[in-house]
Amino acid sequence: LRSADAAGVTAVVAPKDNSVGLGAT
């Protein structure tokens, strides 16, 4: 996400299953 912000990414997409979501870490 940090690299995506720096590169001006439109969106980051990931599957709901078997994938980490947003959290404190």
PDBML (XML) file of the C-alpha atoms, coordinates in Angstrom:
<?xml version="1.0" encoding="UTF-8" ?>
<PDBx:datablock datablockName="MODEL"
   xmlns:PDBx="http://pdbml.pdb.org/schema/pdbx-v50.xsd"
   xmlns:xsi="http://www.w3.org/2001/XMLSchema-instance"
   xsi:schemaLocation="http://pdbml.pdb.org/schema/pdbx-v50.xsd pdbx-v50.xsd">
   <PDBx:atom_siteCategory>
      <PDBx:atom_site id="1">
         <PDBx:B_iso_or_equiv>0.00</PDBx:B_iso_or_equiv>
         <PDBx:Cartn_x>0.000</PDBx:Cartn_x>
         <PDBx:Cartn_y>0.000</PDBx:Cartn_y>
         <PDBx:Cartn_z>0.000</PDBx:Cartn_z>
         <PDBx:auth_asym_id>A</PDBx:auth_asym_id>
         <PDBx:auth_atom_id>CA</PDBx:auth_atom_id>
         <PDBx:auth_comp_id>LEU</PDBx:auth_comp_id>
         <PDBx:auth_seq_id>1</PDBx:auth_seq_id>
         <PDBx:group_PDB>ATOM</PDBx:group_PDB>
         <PDBx:label_alt_id xsi:nil="true" />
         <PDBx:label_asym_id>A</PDBx:label_asym_id>
         <PDBx:label_atom_id>CA</PDBx:label_atom_id>
         <PDBx:label_comp_id>LEU</PDBx:label_comp_id>
         <PDBx:label_entity_id>1</PDBx:label_entity_id>
         <PDBx:label_seq_id>1</PDBx:label_seq_id>
         <PDBx:occupancy>1.00</PDBx:occupancy>
         <PDBx:pdbx_PDB_model_num>1</PDBx:pdbx_PDB_model_num>
         <PDBx:type_symbol>C</PDBx:type_symbol>
      </PDBx:atom_site>
      <PDBx:atom_site id="2">
         <PDBx:B_iso_or_equiv>0.00</PDBx:B_iso_or_equiv>
         <PDBx:Cartn_x>2.882</PDBx:Cartn_x>
         <PDBx:Cartn_y>2.349</PDBx:Cartn_y>
         <PDBx:Cartn_z>0.753</PDBx:Cartn_z>
         <PDBx:auth_asym_id>A</PDBx:auth_asym_id>
         <PDBx:auth_atom_id>CA</PDBx:auth_atom_id>
         <PDBx:auth_comp_id>ARG</PDBx:auth_comp_id>
         <PDBx:auth_seq_id>2</PDBx:auth_seq_id>
         <PDBx:group_PDB>ATOM</PDBx:group_PDB>
         <PDBx:label_alt_id xsi:nil="true" />
         <PDBx:label_asym_id>A</PDBx:label_asym_id>
         <PDBx:label_atom_id>CA</PDBx:label_atom_id>
         <PDBx:label_comp_id>ARG</PDBx:label_comp_id>
         <PDBx:label_entity_id>1</PDBx:label_entity_id>
         <PDBx:label_seq_id>2</PDBx:label_seq_id>
         <PDBx:occupancy>1.00</PDBx:occupancy>
         <PDBx:pdbx_PDB_model_num>1</PDBx:pdbx_PDB_model_num>
         <PDBx:type_symbol>C</PDBx:type_symbol>
      </PDBx:atom_site>
      <PDBx:atom_site id="3">
         <PDBx:B_iso_or_equiv>0.00</PDBx:B_iso_or_equiv>
         <PDBx:Cartn_x>4.381</PDBx:Cartn_x>
         <PDBx:Cartn_y>1.725</PDBx:Cartn_y>
         <PDBx:Cartn_z>-2.703</PDBx:Cartn_z>
         <PDBx:auth_asym_id>A</PDBx:auth_asym_id>
         <PDBx:auth_atom_id>CA</PDBx:auth_atom_id>
         <PDBx:auth_comp_id>SER</PDBx:auth_comp_id>
         <PDBx:auth_seq_id>3</PDBx:auth_seq_id>
         <PDBx:group_PDB>ATOM</PDBx:group_PDB>
         <PDBx:label_alt_id xsi:nil="true" />
         <PDBx:label_asym_id>A</PDBx:label_asym_id>
         <PDBx:label_atom_id>CA</PDBx:label_atom_id>
         <PDBx:label_comp_id>SER</PDBx:label_comp_id>
         <PDBx:label_entity_id>1</PDBx:label_entity_id>
         <PDBx:label_seq_id>3</PDBx:label_seq_id>
         <PDBx:occupancy>1.00</PDBx:occupancy>
         <PDBx:pdbx_PDB_model_num>1</PDBx:pdbx_PDB_model_num>
         <PDBx:type_symbol>C</PDBx:type_symbol>
      </PDBx:atom_site>
      <PDBx:atom_site id="4">
         <PDBx:B_iso_or_equiv>0.00</PDBx:B_iso_or_equiv>
         <PDBx:Cartn_x>0.928</PDBx:Cartn_x>
         <PDBx:Cartn_y>2.042</PDBx:Cartn_y>
         <PDBx:Cartn_z>-4.269</PDBx:Cartn_z>
         <PDBx:auth_asym_id>A</PDBx:auth_asym_id>
         <PDBx:auth_atom_id>CA</PDBx:auth_atom_id>
         <PDBx:auth_comp_id>ALA</PDBx:auth_comp_id>
         <PDBx:auth_seq_id>4</PDBx:auth_seq_id>
         <PDBx:group_PDB>ATOM</PDBx:group_PDB>
         <PDBx:label_alt_id xsi:nil="true" />
         <PDBx:label_asym_id>A</PDBx:label_asym_id>
         <PDBx:label_atom_id>CA</PDBx:label_atom_id>
         <PDBx:label_comp_id>ALA</PDBx:label_comp_id>
         <PDBx:label_entity_id>1</PDBx:label_entity_id>
         <PDBx:label_seq_id>4</PDBx:label_seq_id>
         <PDBx:occupancy>1.00</PDBx:occupancy>
         <PDBx:pdbx_PDB_model_num>1</PDBx:pdbx_PDB_model_num>
         <PDBx:type_symbol>C</PDBx:type_symbol>
      </PDBx:atom_site>
      <PDBx:atom_site id="5">
         <PDBx:B_iso_or_equiv>0.00</PDBx:B_iso_or_equiv>
         <PDBx:Cartn_x>0.445</PDBx:Cartn_x>
         <PDBx:Cartn_y>5.464</PDBx:Cartn_y>
         <PDBx:Cartn_z>-2.711</PDBx:Cartn_z>
         <PDBx:auth_asym_id>A</PDBx:auth_asym_id>
         <PDBx:auth_atom_id>CA</PDBx:auth_atom_id>
         <PDBx:auth_comp_id>ASP</PDBx:auth_comp_id>
         <PDBx:auth_seq_id>5</PDBx:auth_seq_id>
         <PDBx:group_PDB>ATOM</PDBx:group_PDB>
         <PDBx:label_alt_id xsi:nil="true" />
         <PDBx:label_asym_id>A</PDBx:label_asym_id>
         <PDBx:label_atom_id>CA</PDBx:label_atom_id>
         <PDBx:label_comp_id>ASP</PDBx:label_comp_id>
         <PDBx:label_entity_id>1</PDBx:label_entity_id>
         <PDBx:label_seq_id>5</PDBx:label_seq_id>
         <PDBx:occupancy>1.00</PDBx:occupancy>
         <PDBx:pdbx_PDB_model_num>1</PDBx:pdbx_PDB_model_num>
         <PDBx:type_symbol>C</PDBx:type_symbol>
      </PDBx:atom_site>
      <PDBx:atom_site id="6">
         <PDBx:B_iso_or_equiv>0.00</PDBx:B_iso_or_equiv>
         <PDBx:Cartn_x>3.856</PDBx:Cartn_x>
         <PDBx:Cartn_y>6.635</PDBx:Cartn_y>
         <PDBx:Cartn_z>-3.897</PDBx:Cartn_z>
         <PDBx:auth_asym_id>A</PDBx:auth_asym_id>
         <PDBx:auth_atom_id>CA</PDBx:auth_atom_id>
         <PDBx:auth_comp_id>ALA</PDBx:auth_comp_id>
         <PDBx:auth_seq_id>6</PDBx:auth_seq_id>
         <PDBx:group_PDB>ATOM</PDBx:group_PDB>
         <PDBx:label_alt_id xsi:nil="true" />
         <PDBx:label_asym_id>A</PDBx:label_asym_id>
         <PDBx:label_atom_id>CA</PDBx:label_atom_id>
         <PDBx:label_comp_id>ALA</PDBx:label_comp_id>
         <PDBx:label_entity_id>1</PDBx:label_entity_id>
         <PDBx:label_seq_id>6</PDBx:label_seq_id>
         <PDBx:occupancy>1.00</PDBx:occupancy>
         <PDBx:pdbx_PDB_model_num>1</PDBx:pdbx_PDB_model_num>
         <PDBx:type_symbol>C</PDBx:type_symbol>
      </PDBx:atom_site>
      <PDBx:atom_site id="7">
         <PDBx:B_iso_or_equiv>0.00</PDBx:B_iso_or_equiv>
         <PDBx:Cartn_x>3.162</PDBx:Cartn_x>
         <PDBx:Cartn_y>5.415</PDBx:Cartn_y>
         <PDBx:Cartn_z>-7.436</PDBx:Cartn_z>
         <PDBx:auth_asym_id>A</PDBx:auth_asym_id>
         <PDBx:auth_atom_id>CA</PDBx:auth_atom_id>
         <PDBx:auth_comp_id>ALA</PDBx:auth_comp_id>
         <PDBx:auth_seq_id>7</PDBx:auth_seq_id>
         <PDBx:group_PDB>ATOM</PDBx:group_PDB>
         <PDBx:label_alt_id xsi:nil="true" />
         <PDBx:label_asym_id>A</PDBx:label_asym_id>
         <PDBx:label_atom_id>CA</PDBx:label_atom_id>
         <PDBx:label_comp_id>ALA</PDBx:label_comp_id>
         <PDBx:label_entity_id>1</PDBx:label_entity_id>
         <PDBx:label_seq_id>7</PDBx:label_seq_id>
         <PDBx:occupancy>1.00</PDBx:occupancy>
         <PDBx:pdbx_PDB_model_num>1</PDBx:pdbx_PDB_model_num>
         <PDBx:type_symbol>C</PDBx:type_symbol>
      </PDBx:atom_site>
      <PDBx:atom_site id="8">
         <PDBx:B_iso_or_equiv>0.00</PDBx:B_iso_or_equiv>
         <PDBx:Cartn_x>-0.281</PDBx:Cartn_x>
         <PDBx:Cartn_y>7.039</PDBx:Cartn_y>
         <PDBx:Cartn_z>-7.651</PDBx:Cartn_z>
         <PDBx:auth_asym_id>A</PDBx:auth_asym_id>
         <PDBx:auth_atom_id>CA</PDBx:auth_atom_id>
         <PDBx:auth_comp_id>GLY</PDBx:auth_comp_id>
         <PDBx:auth_seq_id>8</PDBx:auth_seq_id>
         <PDBx:group_PDB>ATOM</PDBx:group_PDB>
         <PDBx:label_alt_id xsi:nil="true" />
         <PDBx:label_asym_id>A</PDBx:label_asym_id>
         <PDBx:label_atom_id>CA</PDBx:label_atom_id>
         <PDBx:label_comp_id>GLY</PDBx:label_comp_id>
         <PDBx:label_entity_id>1</PDBx:label_entity_id>
         <PDBx:label_seq_id>8</PDBx:label_seq_id>
         <PDBx:occupancy>1.00</PDBx:occupancy>
         <PDBx:pdbx_PDB_model_num>1</PDBx:pdbx_PDB_model_num>
         <PDBx:type_symbol>C</PDBx:type_symbol>
      </PDBx:atom_site>
      <PDBx:atom_site id="9">
         <PDBx:B_iso_or_equiv>0.00</PDBx:B_iso_or_equiv>
         <PDBx:Cartn_x>-2.197</PDBx:Cartn_x>
         <PDBx:Cartn_y>3.766</PDBx:Cartn_y>
         <PDBx:Cartn_z>-7.921</PDBx:Cartn_z>
         <PDBx:auth_asym_id>A</PDBx:auth_asym_id>
         <PDBx:auth_atom_id>CA</PDBx:auth_atom_id>
         <PDBx:auth_comp_id>VAL</PDBx:auth_comp_id>
         <PDBx:auth_seq_id>9</PDBx:auth_seq_id>
         <PDBx:group_PDB>ATOM</PDBx:group_PDB>
         <PDBx:label_alt_id xsi:nil="true" />
         <PDBx:label_asym_id>A</PDBx:label_asym_id>
         <PDBx:label_atom_id>CA</PDBx:label_atom_id>
         <PDBx:label_comp_id>VAL</PDBx:label_comp_id>
         <PDBx:label_entity_id>1</PDBx:label_entity_id>
         <PDBx:label_seq_id>9</PDBx:label_seq_id>
         <PDBx:occupancy>1.00</PDBx:occupancy>
         <PDBx:pdbx_PDB_model_num>1</PDBx:pdbx_PDB_model_num>
         <PDBx:type_symbol>C</PDBx:type_symbol>
      </PDBx:atom_site>
      <PDBx:atom_site id="10">
         <PDBx:B_iso_or_equiv>0.00</PDBx:B_iso_or_equiv>
         <PDBx:Cartn_x>-5.923</PDBx:Cartn_x>
         <PDBx:Cartn_y>4.041</PDBx:Cartn_y>
         <PDBx:Cartn_z>-8.653</PDBx:Cartn_z>
         <PDBx:auth_asym_id>A</PDBx:auth_asym_id>
         <PDBx:auth_atom_id>CA</PDBx:auth_atom_id>
         <PDBx:auth_comp_id>THR</PDBx:auth_comp_id>
         <PDBx:auth_seq_id>10</PDBx:auth_seq_id>
         <PDBx:group_PDB>ATOM</PDBx:group_PDB>
         <PDBx:label_alt_id xsi:nil="true" />
         <PDBx:label_asym_id>A</PDBx:label_asym_id>
         <PDBx:label_atom_id>CA</PDBx:label_atom_id>
         <PDBx:label_comp_id>THR</PDBx:label_comp_id>
         <PDBx:label_entity_id>1</PDBx:label_entity_id>
         <PDBx:label_seq_id>10</PDBx:label_seq_id>
         <PDBx:occupancy>1.00</PDBx:occupancy>
         <PDBx:pdbx_PDB_model_num>1</PDBx:pdbx_PDB_model_num>
         <PDBx:type_symbol>C</PDBx:type_symbol>
      </PDBx:atom_site>
      <PDBx:atom_site id="11">
         <PDBx:B_iso_or_equiv>0.00</PDBx:B_iso_or_equiv>
         <PDBx:Cartn_x>-6.898</PDBx:Cartn_x>
         <PDBx:Cartn_y>1.143</PDBx:Cartn_y>
         <PDBx:Cartn_z>-6.382</PDBx:Cartn_z>
         <PDBx:auth_asym_id>A</PDBx:auth_asym_id>
         <PDBx:auth_atom_id>CA</PDBx:auth_atom_id>
         <PDBx:auth_comp_id>ALA</PDBx:auth_comp_id>
         <PDBx:auth_seq_id>11</PDBx:auth_seq_id>
         <PDBx:group_PDB>ATOM</PDBx:group_PDB>
         <PDBx:label_alt_id xsi:nil="true" />
         <PDBx:label_asym_id>A</PDBx:label_asym_id>
         <PDBx:label_atom_id>CA</PDBx:label_atom_id>
         <PDBx:label_comp_id>ALA</PDBx:label_comp_id>
         <PDBx:label_entity_id>1</PDBx:label_entity_id>
         <PDBx:label_seq_id>11</PDBx:label_seq_id>
         <PDBx:occupancy>1.00</PDBx:occupancy>
         <PDBx:pdbx_PDB_model_num>1</PDBx:pdbx_PDB_model_num>
         <PDBx:type_symbol>C</PDBx:type_symbol>
      </PDBx:atom_site>
      <PDBx:atom_site id="12">
         <PDBx:B_iso_or_equiv>0.00</PDBx:B_iso_or_equiv>
         <PDBx:Cartn_x>-5.512</PDBx:Cartn_x>
         <PDBx:Cartn_y>-1.987</PDBx:Cartn_y>
         <PDBx:Cartn_z>-4.764</PDBx:Cartn_z>
         <PDBx:auth_asym_id>A</PDBx:auth_asym_id>
         <PDBx:auth_atom_id>CA</PDBx:auth_atom_id>
         <PDBx:auth_comp_id>VAL</PDBx:auth_comp_id>
         <PDBx:auth_seq_id>12</PDBx:auth_seq_id>
         <PDBx:group_PDB>ATOM</PDBx:group_PDB>
         <PDBx:label_alt_id xsi:nil="true" />
         <PDBx:label_asym_id>A</PDBx:label_asym_id>
         <PDBx:label_atom_id>CA</PDBx:label_atom_id>
         <PDBx:label_comp_id>VAL</PDBx:label_comp_id>
         <PDBx:label_entity_id>1</PDBx:label_entity_id>
         <PDBx:label_seq_id>12</PDBx:label_seq_id>
         <PDBx:occupancy>1.00</PDBx:occupancy>
         <PDBx:pdbx_PDB_model_num>1</PDBx:pdbx_PDB_model_num>
         <PDBx:type_symbol>C</PDBx:type_symbol>
      </PDBx:atom_site>
      <PDBx:atom_site id="13">
         <PDBx:B_iso_or_equiv>0.00</PDBx:B_iso_or_equiv>
         <PDBx:Cartn_x>-7.693</PDBx:Cartn_x>
         <PDBx:Cartn_y>-5.054</PDBx:Cartn_y>
         <PDBx:Cartn_z>-5.295</PDBx:Cartn_z>
         <PDBx:auth_asym_id>A</PDBx:auth_asym_id>
         <PDBx:auth_atom_id>CA</PDBx:auth_atom_id>
         <PDBx:auth_comp_id>VAL</PDBx:auth_comp_id>
         <PDBx:auth_seq_id>13</PDBx:auth_seq_id>
         <PDBx:group_PDB>ATOM</PDBx:group_PDB>
         <PDBx:label_alt_id xsi:nil="true" />
         <PDBx:label_asym_id>A</PDBx:label_asym_id>
         <PDBx:label_atom_id>CA</PDBx:label_atom_id>
         <PDBx:label_comp_id>VAL</PDBx:label_comp_id>
         <PDBx:label_entity_id>1</PDBx:label_entity_id>
         <PDBx:label_seq_id>13</PDBx:label_seq_id>
         <PDBx:occupancy>1.00</PDBx:occupancy>
         <PDBx:pdbx_PDB_model_num>1</PDBx:pdbx_PDB_model_num>
         <PDBx:type_symbol>C</PDBx:type_symbol>
      </PDBx:atom_site>
      <PDBx:atom_site id="14">
         <PDBx:B_iso_or_equiv>0.00</PDBx:B_iso_or_equiv>
         <PDBx:Cartn_x>-7.535</PDBx:Cartn_x>
         <PDBx:Cartn_y>-8.356</PDBx:Cartn_y>
         <PDBx:Cartn_z>-3.401</PDBx:Cartn_z>
         <PDBx:auth_asym_id>A</PDBx:auth_asym_id>
         <PDBx:auth_atom_id>CA</PDBx:auth_atom_id>
         <PDBx:auth_comp_id>ALA</PDBx:auth_comp_id>
         <PDBx:auth_seq_id>14</PDBx:auth_seq_id>
         <PDBx:group_PDB>ATOM</PDBx:group_PDB>
         <PDBx:label_alt_id xsi:nil="true" />
         <PDBx:label_asym_id>A</PDBx:label_asym_id>
         <PDBx:label_atom_id>CA</PDBx:label_atom_id>
         <PDBx:label_comp_id>ALA</PDBx:label_comp_id>
         <PDBx:label_entity_id>1</PDBx:label_entity_id>
         <PDBx:label_seq_id>14</PDBx:label_seq_id>
         <PDBx:occupancy>1.00</PDBx:occupancy>
         <PDBx:pdbx_PDB_model_num>1</PDBx:pdbx_PDB_model_num>
         <PDBx:type_symbol>C</PDBx:type_symbol>
      </PDBx:atom_site>
      <PDBx:atom_site id="15">
         <PDBx:B_iso_or_equiv>0.00</PDBx:B_iso_or_equiv>
         <PDBx:Cartn_x>-9.829</PDBx:Cartn_x>
         <PDBx:Cartn_y>-11.349</PDBx:Cartn_y>
         <PDBx:Cartn_z>-2.884</PDBx:Cartn_z>
         <PDBx:auth_asym_id>A</PDBx:auth_asym_id>
         <PDBx:auth_atom_id>CA</PDBx:auth_atom_id>
         <PDBx:auth_comp_id>PRO</PDBx:auth_comp_id>
         <PDBx:auth_seq_id>15</PDBx:auth_seq_id>
         <PDBx:group_PDB>ATOM</PDBx:group_PDB>
         <PDBx:label_alt_id xsi:nil="true" />
         <PDBx:label_asym_id>A</PDBx:label_asym_id>
         <PDBx:label_atom_id>CA</PDBx:label_atom_id>
         <PDBx:label_comp_id>PRO</PDBx:label_comp_id>
         <PDBx:label_entity_id>1</PDBx:label_entity_id>
         <PDBx:label_seq_id>15</PDBx:label_seq_id>
         <PDBx:occupancy>1.00</PDBx:occupancy>
         <PDBx:pdbx_PDB_model_num>1</PDBx:pdbx_PDB_model_num>
         <PDBx:type_symbol>C</PDBx:type_symbol>
      </PDBx:atom_site>
      <PDBx:atom_site id="16">
         <PDBx:B_iso_or_equiv>0.00</PDBx:B_iso_or_equiv>
         <PDBx:Cartn_x>-11.854</PDBx:Cartn_x>
         <PDBx:Cartn_y>-11.576</PDBx:Cartn_y>
         <PDBx:Cartn_z>0.305</PDBx:Cartn_z>
         <PDBx:auth_asym_id>A</PDBx:auth_asym_id>
         <PDBx:auth_atom_id>CA</PDBx:auth_atom_id>
         <PDBx:auth_comp_id>LYS</PDBx:auth_comp_id>
         <PDBx:auth_seq_id>16</PDBx:auth_seq_id>
         <PDBx:group_PDB>ATOM</PDBx:group_PDB>
         <PDBx:label_alt_id xsi:nil="true" />
         <PDBx:label_asym_id>A</PDBx:label_asym_id>
         <PDBx:label_atom_id>CA</PDBx:label_atom_id>
         <PDBx:label_comp_id>LYS</PDBx:label_comp_id>
         <PDBx:label_entity_id>1</PDBx:label_entity_id>
         <PDBx:label_seq_id>16</PDBx:label_seq_id>
         <PDBx:occupancy>1.00</PDBx:occupancy>
         <PDBx:pdbx_PDB_model_num>1</PDBx:pdbx_PDB_model_num>
         <PDBx:type_symbol>C</PDBx:type_symbol>
      </PDBx:atom_site>
      <PDBx:atom_site id="17">
         <PDBx:B_iso_or_equiv>0.00</PDBx:B_iso_or_equiv>
         <PDBx:Cartn_x>-10.858</PDBx:Cartn_x>
         <PDBx:Cartn_y>-15.197</PDBx:Cartn_y>
         <PDBx:Cartn_z>0.917</PDBx:Cartn_z>
         <PDBx:auth_asym_id>A</PDBx:auth_asym_id>
         <PDBx:auth_atom_id>CA</PDBx:auth_atom_id>
         <PDBx:auth_comp_id>ASP</PDBx:auth_comp_id>
         <PDBx:auth_seq_id>17</PDBx:auth_seq_id>
         <PDBx:group_PDB>ATOM</PDBx:group_PDB>
         <PDBx:label_alt_id xsi:nil="true" />
         <PDBx:label_asym_id>A</PDBx:label_asym_id>
         <PDBx:label_atom_id>CA</PDBx:label_atom_id>
         <PDBx:label_comp_id>ASP</PDBx:label_comp_id>
         <PDBx:label_entity_id>1</PDBx:label_entity_id>
         <PDBx:label_seq_id>17</PDBx:label_seq_id>
         <PDBx:occupancy>1.00</PDBx:occupancy>
         <PDBx:pdbx_PDB_model_num>1</PDBx:pdbx_PDB_model_num>
         <PDBx:type_symbol>C</PDBx:type_symbol>
      </PDBx:atom_site>
      <PDBx:atom_site id="18">
         <PDBx:B_iso_or_equiv>0.00</PDBx:B_iso_or_equiv>
         <PDBx:Cartn_x>-7.336</PDBx:Cartn_x>
         <PDBx:Cartn_y>-16.272</PDBx:Cartn_y>
         <PDBx:Cartn_z>1.857</PDBx:Cartn_z>
         <PDBx:auth_asym_id>A</PDBx:auth_asym_id>
         <PDBx:auth_atom_id>CA</PDBx:auth_atom_id>
         <PDBx:auth_comp_id>ASN</PDBx:auth_comp_id>
         <PDBx:auth_seq_id>18</PDBx:auth_seq_id>
         <PDBx:group_PDB>ATOM</PDBx:group_PDB>
         <PDBx:label_alt_id xsi:nil="true" />
         <PDBx:label_asym_id>A</PDBx:label_asym_id>
         <PDBx:label_atom_id>CA</PDBx:label_atom_id>
         <PDBx:label_comp_id>ASN</PDBx:label_comp_id>
         <PDBx:label_entity_id>1</PDBx:label_entity_id>
         <PDBx:label_seq_id>18</PDBx:label_seq_id>
         <PDBx:occupancy>1.00</PDBx:occupancy>
         <PDBx:pdbx_PDB_model_num>1</PDBx:pdbx_PDB_model_num>
         <PDBx:type_symbol>C</PDBx:type_symbol>
      </PDBx:atom_site>
      <PDBx:atom_site id="19">
         <PDBx:B_iso_or_equiv>0.00</PDBx:B_iso_or_equiv>
         <PDBx:Cartn_x>-6.135</PDBx:Cartn_x>
         <PDBx:Cartn_y>-12.691</PDBx:Cartn_y>
         <PDBx:Cartn_z>1.885</PDBx:Cartn_z>
         <PDBx:auth_asym_id>A</PDBx:auth_asym_id>
         <PDBx:auth_atom_id>CA</PDBx:auth_atom_id>
         <PDBx:auth_comp_id>SER</PDBx:auth_comp_id>
         <PDBx:auth_seq_id>19</PDBx:auth_seq_id>
         <PDBx:group_PDB>ATOM</PDBx:group_PDB>
         <PDBx:label_alt_id xsi:nil="true" />
         <PDBx:label_asym_id>A</PDBx:label_asym_id>
         <PDBx:label_atom_id>CA</PDBx:label_atom_id>
         <PDBx:label_comp_id>SER</PDBx:label_comp_id>
         <PDBx:label_entity_id>1</PDBx:label_entity_id>
         <PDBx:label_seq_id>19</PDBx:label_seq_id>
         <PDBx:occupancy>1.00</PDBx:occupancy>
         <PDBx:pdbx_PDB_model_num>1</PDBx:pdbx_PDB_model_num>
         <PDBx:type_symbol>C</PDBx:type_symbol>
      </PDBx:atom_site>
      <PDBx:atom_site id="20">
         <PDBx:B_iso_or_equiv>0.00</PDBx:B_iso_or_equiv>
         <PDBx:Cartn_x>-5.288</PDBx:Cartn_x>
         <PDBx:Cartn_y>-10.269</PDBx:Cartn_y>
         <PDBx:Cartn_z>4.679</PDBx:Cartn_z>
         <PDBx:auth_asym_id>A</PDBx:auth_asym_id>
         <PDBx:auth_atom_id>CA</PDBx:auth_atom_id>
         <PDBx:auth_comp_id>VAL</PDBx:auth_comp_id>
         <PDBx:auth_seq_id>20</PDBx:auth_seq_id>
         <PDBx:group_PDB>ATOM</PDBx:group_PDB>
         <PDBx:label_alt_id xsi:nil="true" />
         <PDBx:label_asym_id>A</PDBx:label_asym_id>
         <PDBx:label_atom_id>CA</PDBx:label_atom_id>
         <PDBx:label_comp_id>VAL</PDBx:label_comp_id>
         <PDBx:label_entity_id>1</PDBx:label_entity_id>
         <PDBx:label_seq_id>20</PDBx:label_seq_id>
         <PDBx:occupancy>1.00</PDBx:occupancy>
         <PDBx:pdbx_PDB_model_num>1</PDBx:pdbx_PDB_model_num>
         <PDBx:type_symbol>C</PDBx:type_symbol>
      </PDBx:atom_site>
      <PDBx:atom_site id="21">
         <PDBx:B_iso_or_equiv>0.00</PDBx:B_iso_or_equiv>
         <PDBx:Cartn_x>-7.470</PDBx:Cartn_x>
         <PDBx:Cartn_y>-7.193</PDBx:Cartn_y>
         <PDBx:Cartn_z>5.143</PDBx:Cartn_z>
         <PDBx:auth_asym_id>A</PDBx:auth_asym_id>
         <PDBx:auth_atom_id>CA</PDBx:auth_atom_id>
         <PDBx:auth_comp_id>GLY</PDBx:auth_comp_id>
         <PDBx:auth_seq_id>21</PDBx:auth_seq_id>
         <PDBx:group_PDB>ATOM</PDBx:group_PDB>
         <PDBx:label_alt_id xsi:nil="true" />
         <PDBx:label_asym_id>A</PDBx:label_asym_id>
         <PDBx:label_atom_id>CA</PDBx:label_atom_id>
         <PDBx:label_comp_id>GLY</PDBx:label_comp_id>
         <PDBx:label_entity_id>1</PDBx:label_entity_id>
         <PDBx:label_seq_id>21</PDBx:label_seq_id>
         <PDBx:occupancy>1.00</PDBx:occupancy>
         <PDBx:pdbx_PDB_model_num>1</PDBx:pdbx_PDB_model_num>
         <PDBx:type_symbol>C</PDBx:type_symbol>
      </PDBx:atom_site>
      <PDBx:atom_site id="22">
         <PDBx:B_iso_or_equiv>0.00</PDBx:B_iso_or_equiv>
         <PDBx:Cartn_x>-6.787</PDBx:Cartn_x>
         <PDBx:Cartn_y>-3.816</PDBx:Cartn_y>
         <PDBx:Cartn_z>6.691</PDBx:Cartn_z>
         <PDBx:auth_asym_id>A</PDBx:auth_asym_id>
         <PDBx:auth_atom_id>CA</PDBx:auth_atom_id>
         <PDBx:auth_comp_id>LEU</PDBx:auth_comp_id>
         <PDBx:auth_seq_id>22</PDBx:auth_seq_id>
         <PDBx:group_PDB>ATOM</PDBx:group_PDB>
         <PDBx:label_alt_id xsi:nil="true" />
         <PDBx:label_asym_id>A</PDBx:label_asym_id>
         <PDBx:label_atom_id>CA</PDBx:label_atom_id>
         <PDBx:label_comp_id>LEU</PDBx:label_comp_id>
         <PDBx:label_entity_id>1</PDBx:label_entity_id>
         <PDBx:label_seq_id>22</PDBx:label_seq_id>
         <PDBx:occupancy>1.00</PDBx:occupancy>
         <PDBx:pdbx_PDB_model_num>1</PDBx:pdbx_PDB_model_num>
         <PDBx:type_symbol>C</PDBx:type_symbol>
      </PDBx:atom_site>
      <PDBx:atom_site id="23">
         <PDBx:B_iso_or_equiv>0.00</PDBx:B_iso_or_equiv>
         <PDBx:Cartn_x>-5.781</PDBx:Cartn_x>
         <PDBx:Cartn_y>-3.919</PDBx:Cartn_y>
         <PDBx:Cartn_z>10.342</PDBx:Cartn_z>
         <PDBx:auth_asym_id>A</PDBx:auth_asym_id>
         <PDBx:auth_atom_id>CA</PDBx:auth_atom_id>
         <PDBx:auth_comp_id>GLY</PDBx:auth_comp_id>
         <PDBx:auth_seq_id>23</PDBx:auth_seq_id>
         <PDBx:group_PDB>ATOM</PDBx:group_PDB>
         <PDBx:label_alt_id xsi:nil="true" />
         <PDBx:label_asym_id>A</PDBx:label_asym_id>
         <PDBx:label_atom_id>CA</PDBx:label_atom_id>
         <PDBx:label_comp_id>GLY</PDBx:label_comp_id>
         <PDBx:label_entity_id>1</PDBx:label_entity_id>
         <PDBx:label_seq_id>23</PDBx:label_seq_id>
         <PDBx:occupancy>1.00</PDBx:occupancy>
         <PDBx:pdbx_PDB_model_num>1</PDBx:pdbx_PDB_model_num>
         <PDBx:type_symbol>C</PDBx:type_symbol>
      </PDBx:atom_site>
      <PDBx:atom_site id="24">
         <PDBx:B_iso_or_equiv>0.00</PDBx:B_iso_or_equiv>
         <PDBx:Cartn_x>-3.566</PDBx:Cartn_x>
         <PDBx:Cartn_y>-2.202</PDBx:Cartn_y>
         <PDBx:Cartn_z>12.893</PDBx:Cartn_z>
         <PDBx:auth_asym_id>A</PDBx:auth_asym_id>
         <PDBx:auth_atom_id>CA</PDBx:auth_atom_id>
         <PDBx:auth_comp_id>ALA</PDBx:auth_comp_id>
         <PDBx:auth_seq_id>24</PDBx:auth_seq_id>
         <PDBx:group_PDB>ATOM</PDBx:group_PDB>
         <PDBx:label_alt_id xsi:nil="true" />
         <PDBx:label_asym_id>A</PDBx:label_asym_id>
         <PDBx:label_atom_id>CA</PDBx:label_atom_id>
         <PDBx:label_comp_id>ALA</PDBx:label_comp_id>
         <PDBx:label_entity_id>1</PDBx:label_entity_id>
         <PDBx:label_seq_id>24</PDBx:label_seq_id>
         <PDBx:occupancy>1.00</PDBx:occupancy>
         <PDBx:pdbx_PDB_model_num>1</PDBx:pdbx_PDB_model_num>
         <PDBx:type_symbol>C</PDBx:type_symbol>
      </PDBx:atom_site>
      <PDBx:atom_site id="25">
         <PDBx:B_iso_or_equiv>0.00</PDBx:B_iso_or_equiv>
         <PDBx:Cartn_x>-0.337</PDBx:Cartn_x>
         <PDBx:Cartn_y>-3.746</PDBx:Cartn_y>
         <PDBx:Cartn_z>11.615</PDBx:Cartn_z>
         <PDBx:auth_asym_id>A</PDBx:auth_asym_id>
         <PDBx:auth_atom_id>CA</PDBx:auth_atom_id>
         <PDBx:auth_comp_id>THR</PDBx:auth_comp_id>
         <PDBx:auth_seq_id>25</PDBx:auth_seq_id>
         <PDBx:group_PDB>ATOM</PDBx:group_PDB>
         <PDBx:label_alt_id xsi:nil="true" />
         <PDBx:label_asym_id>A</PDBx:label_asym_id>
         <PDBx:label_atom_id>CA</PDBx:label_atom_id>
         <PDBx:label_comp_id>THR</PDBx:label_comp_id>
         <PDBx:label_entity_id>1</PDBx:label_entity_id>
         <PDBx:label_seq_id>25</PDBx:label_seq_id>
         <PDBx:occupancy>1.00</PDBx:occupancy>
         <PDBx:pdbx_PDB_model_num>1</PDBx:pdbx_PDB_model_num>
         <PDBx:type_symbol>C</PDBx:type_symbol>
      </PDBx:atom_site>
   </PDBx:atom_siteCategory>
</PDBx:datablock>
